[in-house]
Amino acid sequence: MATQKVTITLDEQGLSRIKALVESGKARSVSGFIQDAVRVSLDDVAGWGAMLAEALAQTGGDLTAEERAWADRILGTGKRRRHPAA
């Protein structure tokens, strides 16, 4: 698989912990650790997406526009009206 070099920013404590894993032989390299973490995260996202799709299929599919509007009202996440400045 082709790779591409990128720059990322990590907090110092996280980087220190990764380096300690590398030094103890529990991780092959900082880069390798990050690659593994990204792979696991992408697999998790795909797994949750599949689980959500299955749950939606079992419960009747995506929300209707009416159901979404109801949920937005209850959760307070719908479009908010702008009031003119006084």
Protein backbone atom coordinates (compact mmCIF):
# COMPACT_ATOMS: atom_id res chain seq x y z
CA MET A 1 0.00 0.00 0.00
CA ALA A 2 1.29 3.43 -0.90
CA THR A 3 1.94 5.83 1.93
CA GLN A 4 2.14 9.59 2.13
CA LYS A 5 3.97 11.63 4.70
CA VAL A 6 1.83 14.07 6.71
CA THR A 7 2.40 16.30 9.69
CA ILE A 8 0.19 15.89 12.75
CA THR A 9 0.10 17.61 16.11
CA LEU A 10 -0.10 15.57 19.30
CA ASP A 11 -0.17 16.68 22.88
CA GLU A 12 3.17 16.13 24.64
CA GLN A 13 1.81 13.58 27.10
CA GLY A 14 0.32 11.43 24.34
CA LEU A 15 3.52 11.56 22.31
CA SER A 16 5.59 10.66 25.38
CA ARG A 17 3.37 7.65 26.02
CA ILE A 18 3.72 6.50 22.41
CA LYS A 19 7.50 6.90 22.55
CA ALA A 20 7.58 4.86 25.77
CA LEU A 21 5.69 2.08 24.00
CA VAL A 22 8.20 2.18 21.17
CA GLU A 23 11.15 2.09 23.59
CA SER A 24 9.66 -0.89 25.41
CA GLY A 25 9.10 -2.74 22.14
CA LYS A 26 5.31 -2.68 22.42
CA ALA A 27 5.02 -0.48 19.31
CA ARG A 28 7.23 -0.69 16.24
CA SER A 29 7.56 3.08 15.78
CA VAL A 30 5.71 6.32 16.42
CA SER A 31 4.57 6.31 12.80
CA GLY A 32 3.53 2.67 13.02
CA PHE A 33 1.56 3.34 16.19
CA ILE A 34 -0.30 6.22 14.54
CA GLN A 35 -0.99 4.12 11.44
CA ASP A 36 -2.45 1.35 13.61
CA ALA A 37 -4.54 3.85 15.57
CA VAL A 38 -5.94 5.33 12.37
CA ARG A 39 -6.74 1.86 11.00
CA VAL A 40 -8.56 0.90 14.21
CA SER A 41 -10.48 4.18 14.22
CA LEU A 42 -11.54 3.76 10.59
CA ASP A 43 -12.64 0.18 11.29
CA ASP A 44 -14.66 1.44 14.27
CA VAL A 45 -16.38 4.08 12.14
CA ALA A 46 -17.23 1.48 9.49
CA GLY A 47 -18.48 -0.94 12.15
CA TRP A 48 -20.71 1.67 13.79
CA GLY A 49 -22.03 2.69 10.38
CA ALA A 50 -22.93 -0.91 9.57
CA MET A 51 -24.54 -1.34 12.99
CA LEU A 52 -26.59 1.82 12.53
CA ALA A 53 -27.68 0.74 9.04
CA GLU A 54 -28.78 -2.64 10.43
CA ALA A 55 -30.66 -1.00 13.31
CA LEU A 56 -32.41 1.39 10.92
CA ALA A 57 -33.34 -1.50 8.61
CA GLN A 58 -34.86 -3.38 11.54
CA THR A 59 -36.83 -0.38 12.81
CA GLY A 60 -38.25 0.99 9.57
CA GLY A 61 -35.41 2.96 8.03
CA ASP A 62 -34.38 6.58 8.22
CA LEU A 63 -36.48 9.17 10.01
CA THR A 64 -39.27 10.76 8.03
CA ALA A 65 -39.28 14.54 7.66
CA GLU A 66 -42.04 14.69 10.28
CA GLU A 67 -40.08 12.53 12.74
CA ARG A 68 -36.95 14.61 12.19
CA ALA A 69 -38.87 17.86 12.76
CA TRP A 70 -40.35 16.43 15.99
CA ALA A 71 -36.88 15.36 17.20
CA ASP A 72 -35.42 18.77 16.32
CA ARG A 73 -38.16 20.50 18.33
CA ILE A 74 -37.69 18.21 21.34
CA LEU A 75 -33.88 18.41 21.25
CA GLY A 76 -33.76 22.10 20.37
CA THR A 77 -31.55 21.45 17.36
CA GLY A 78 -33.77 22.86 14.63
CA LYS A 79 -33.22 26.09 12.78
CA ARG A 80 -33.37 29.07 15.10
CA ARG A 81 -35.11 32.26 14.13
CA ARG A 82 -33.01 35.34 14.07
CA HIS A 83 -34.48 38.22 15.99
CA PRO A 84 -33.69 41.67 14.68
CA ALA A 85 -31.36 43.70 16.85
CA ALA A 86 -33.17 46.32 18.92
